[in-house]
Amino acid sequence: MENVFELWPELDWITNDELREKTAKTWQLALQRSVLSADDLNRIPFTLLCGPDLKVSFMAHKRAVVHIVRDAGRKVGEFFKEELPVNMDVLIAGAILADVGKLLEYVLDENGSAVQGDYGKYLRHPFSGVALAEECGVPPEVCHIIATHAGEGDMVKRTTEAYLVHHADFMTFLPFKNRLEI
């Protein structure tokens, strides 16, 4: 479990000990079942949708999302108070776990590059991420964030925490994919 806390120092931001442990356990389980190592996550691109030249690693993107989400959650609480409450532990755990399913979706090709594997062709990471998290006892309000952080979530109502993770994730993805360069 030590390597999970090295990979995710942000786990310490979760104040609820049980939720922190279940979040870390989910990452540990994903790493055990994946062909990817913690080192791979610091090397492979965070998405396969922007071409092979993308230099932003999986972990750089994921950790940026968690940092942005924490700041956003604090500001929502500061400005809207009880009108729009934010559970910071749920928010941070959900952001840390949003892409955990990609560890099952991706494989490495003969050159060591990340590609979508057979499993990933049938089940996208929101589904596999929820399955991993539920197996580790992660509560439904966090699993909801995993399930709804990507496009699949556009079909259902999202919690405040899920909206924050969704938008932080997309605001740090879409400029790489659809940026207008002037």
Protein backbone atom coordinates (compact mmCIF):
# COMPACT_ATOMS: atom_id res chain seq x y z
CA MET A 1 0.00 0.00 0.00
CA GLU A 2 3.02 2.25 0.51
CA ASN A 3 3.50 2.78 -3.24
CA VAL A 4 -0.13 3.96 -3.52
CA PHE A 5 0.54 6.72 -0.97
CA GLU A 6 3.73 7.64 -2.88
CA LEU A 7 1.72 7.79 -6.10
CA TRP A 8 -1.09 9.73 -4.39
CA PRO A 9 0.16 12.02 -1.59
CA GLU A 10 -3.26 13.72 -1.91
CA LEU A 11 -4.79 10.74 -0.10
CA ASP A 12 -3.75 12.52 3.08
CA TRP A 13 -6.28 15.27 2.26
CA ILE A 14 -9.09 12.80 3.01
CA THR A 15 -9.77 13.33 6.70
CA ASN A 16 -12.00 10.26 7.16
CA ASP A 17 -9.60 7.40 7.89
CA GLU A 18 -11.95 4.70 6.58
CA LEU A 19 -12.60 6.50 3.29
CA ARG A 20 -8.88 7.23 2.85
CA GLU A 21 -8.06 3.53 3.34
CA LYS A 22 -10.81 2.34 0.97
CA THR A 23 -9.66 4.85 -1.67
CA ALA A 24 -6.06 3.65 -1.35
CA LYS A 25 -7.18 0.01 -1.35
CA THR A 26 -9.02 0.59 -4.64
CA TRP A 27 -5.83 1.90 -6.25
CA GLN A 28 -3.86 -1.00 -4.82
CA LEU A 29 -6.36 -3.48 -6.28
CA ALA A 30 -6.27 -1.75 -9.67
CA LEU A 31 -2.46 -1.87 -9.74
CA GLN A 32 -2.53 -5.57 -8.83
CA ARG A 33 -4.91 -6.35 -11.70
CA SER A 34 -3.27 -4.09 -14.25
CA VAL A 35 -0.32 -4.64 -16.55
CA LEU A 36 0.61 -1.02 -15.75
CA SER A 37 2.96 -0.16 -12.91
CA ALA A 38 3.12 3.02 -10.86
CA ASP A 39 6.15 4.02 -12.98
CA ASP A 40 4.10 3.52 -16.15
CA LEU A 41 1.45 5.93 -14.83
CA ASN A 42 4.10 8.64 -14.57
CA ARG A 43 5.18 7.95 -18.16
CA ILE A 44 2.13 7.14 -20.29
CA PRO A 45 -0.10 9.93 -21.65
CA PHE A 46 -3.23 10.67 -19.66
CA THR A 47 -5.48 10.05 -22.65
CA LEU A 48 -5.31 8.06 -25.86
CA LEU A 49 -7.58 10.57 -27.63
CA CYS A 50 -4.96 13.25 -28.32
CA GLY A 51 -2.46 11.27 -30.34
CA PRO A 52 0.95 9.80 -29.60
CA ASP A 53 2.74 13.14 -29.14
CA LEU A 54 0.96 14.09 -25.91
CA LYS A 55 3.60 14.57 -23.20
CA VAL A 56 1.31 15.06 -20.18
CA SER A 57 1.44 11.90 -18.08
CA PHE A 58 -1.51 10.08 -16.59
CA MET A 59 -0.48 11.07 -13.06
CA ALA A 60 0.25 14.71 -13.92
CA HIS A 61 -3.27 15.07 -15.28
CA LYS A 62 -4.96 13.12 -12.49
CA ARG A 63 -3.14 14.97 -9.72
CA ALA A 64 -3.92 18.32 -11.39
CA VAL A 65 -7.62 17.40 -11.41
CA VAL A 66 -7.51 16.59 -7.69
CA HIS A 67 -5.78 19.90 -6.88
CA ILE A 68 -8.23 21.90 -9.02
CA VAL A 69 -11.19 20.09 -7.47
CA ARG A 70 -10.02 20.77 -3.93
CA ASP A 71 -9.62 24.48 -4.70
CA ALA A 72 -13.02 24.59 -6.44
CA GLY A 73 -14.72 22.78 -3.58
CA ARG A 74 -13.29 25.27 -1.10
CA LYS A 75 -14.48 28.23 -3.17
CA VAL A 76 -17.97 26.77 -3.60
CA GLY A 77 -18.14 26.37 0.18
CA GLU A 78 -16.79 29.87 0.76
CA PHE A 79 -19.22 31.63 -1.57
CA PHE A 80 -22.35 29.47 -1.37
CA LYS A 81 -22.03 28.04 2.15
CA GLU A 82 -25.01 25.89 3.16
CA GLU A 83 -26.86 26.68 -0.09
CA LEU A 84 -24.49 24.36 -1.97
CA PRO A 85 -22.65 22.20 0.56
CA VAL A 86 -19.60 20.24 -0.56
CA ASN A 87 -18.37 17.13 1.21
CA MET A 88 -14.64 17.61 0.75
CA ASP A 89 -13.73 14.01 1.63
CA VAL A 90 -16.19 12.63 -0.93
CA LEU A 91 -15.00 15.20 -3.48
CA ILE A 92 -11.30 14.38 -3.07
CA ALA A 93 -11.84 10.61 -2.95
CA GLY A 94 -13.99 10.81 -6.08
CA ALA A 95 -11.38 12.86 -7.93
CA ILE A 96 -8.61 10.43 -6.93
CA LEU A 97 -10.70 7.45 -8.07
CA ALA A 98 -12.29 8.92 -11.23
CA ASP A 99 -9.85 7.25 -13.63
CA VAL A 100 -8.79 4.22 -11.57
CA GLY A 101 -10.59 2.00 -14.09
CA LYS A 102 -8.17 3.08 -16.83
CA LEU A 103 -5.68 0.72 -15.23
CA LEU A 104 -7.86 -2.11 -16.55
CA GLU A 105 -8.73 -0.34 -19.81
CA TYR A 106 -5.12 0.22 -20.94
CA VAL A 107 -2.42 -2.25 -21.90
CA LEU A 108 1.09 -1.72 -23.25
CA ASP A 109 1.98 -2.54 -26.85
CA GLU A 110 5.29 -4.06 -28.00
CA ASN A 111 6.93 -0.60 -27.80
CA GLY A 112 5.72 0.03 -24.25
CA SER A 113 3.10 2.55 -25.38
CA ALA A 114 -0.33 2.61 -23.76
CA VAL A 115 -3.17 1.37 -25.96
CA GLN A 116 -6.74 0.33 -25.30
CA GLY A 117 -6.90 -3.35 -24.47
CA ASP A 118 -9.67 -5.83 -25.21
CA TYR A 119 -11.25 -5.25 -21.79
CA GLY A 120 -11.28 -1.51 -22.43
CA LYS A 121 -13.00 -1.98 -25.78
CA TYR A 122 -16.00 -3.45 -23.97
CA LEU A 123 -15.99 -1.58 -20.64
CA ARG A 124 -14.89 2.01 -20.30
CA HIS A 125 -13.15 3.13 -17.16
CA PRO A 126 -16.20 4.63 -15.38
CA PHE A 127 -17.72 1.12 -15.25
CA SER A 128 -14.56 -0.75 -14.27
CA GLY A 129 -13.69 1.99 -11.78
CA VAL A 130 -17.01 1.63 -10.00
CA ALA A 131 -16.59 -2.16 -9.90
CA LEU A 132 -13.14 -1.84 -8.31
CA ALA A 133 -14.34 0.77 -5.82
CA GLU A 134 -17.40 -1.22 -4.79
CA GLU A 135 -15.24 -4.29 -4.27
CA CYS A 136 -13.20 -2.22 -1.80
CA GLY A 137 -16.26 -0.89 0.04
CA VAL A 138 -16.12 2.67 -1.29
CA PRO A 139 -19.44 4.39 -0.47
CA PRO A 140 -22.05 5.05 -3.18
CA GLU A 141 -21.61 8.85 -3.13
CA VAL A 142 -17.99 8.37 -4.24
CA CYS A 143 -18.87 5.61 -6.74
CA HIS A 144 -21.39 8.07 -8.20
CA ILE A 145 -18.51 10.46 -9.00
CA ILE A 146 -16.54 7.69 -10.72
CA ALA A 147 -19.61 6.65 -12.72
CA THR A 148 -20.58 10.18 -13.81
CA HIS A 149 -17.26 11.98 -14.30
CA ALA A 150 -17.11 11.22 -18.04
CA GLY A 151 -19.65 11.46 -20.84
CA GLU A 152 -21.68 8.57 -19.41
CA GLY A 153 -22.72 10.91 -16.62
CA ASP A 154 -24.46 13.28 -19.02
CA MET A 155 -27.49 10.98 -18.91
CA VAL A 156 -28.14 11.33 -15.16
CA LYS A 157 -28.31 13.96 -12.44
CA ARG A 158 -24.98 14.61 -10.75
CA THR A 159 -24.22 15.59 -7.19
CA THR A 160 -22.35 18.85 -6.59
CA GLU A 161 -19.16 16.87 -5.99
CA ALA A 162 -19.67 14.94 -9.25
CA TYR A 163 -20.16 18.17 -11.20
CA LEU A 164 -16.94 19.59 -9.80
CA VAL A 165 -14.92 16.48 -10.71
CA HIS A 166 -16.52 16.27 -14.16
CA HIS A 167 -15.72 19.88 -15.01
CA ALA A 168 -12.19 19.81 -13.56
CA ASP A 169 -11.49 16.68 -15.58
CA PHE A 170 -12.83 18.12 -18.82
CA MET A 171 -11.28 21.56 -18.39
CA THR A 172 -7.88 19.84 -18.21
CA PHE A 173 -8.63 17.53 -21.16
CA LEU A 174 -10.55 19.49 -23.80
CA PRO A 175 -7.84 22.14 -24.36
CA PHE A 176 -5.47 19.33 -25.35
CA LYS A 177 -8.07 17.79 -27.65
CA ASN A 178 -9.94 20.77 -29.13
CA ARG A 179 -7.79 23.82 -28.52
CA LEU A 180 -8.09 26.72 -30.91
CA GLU A 181 -4.60 28.05 -31.48
CA ILE A 182 -4.39 31.66 -32.57
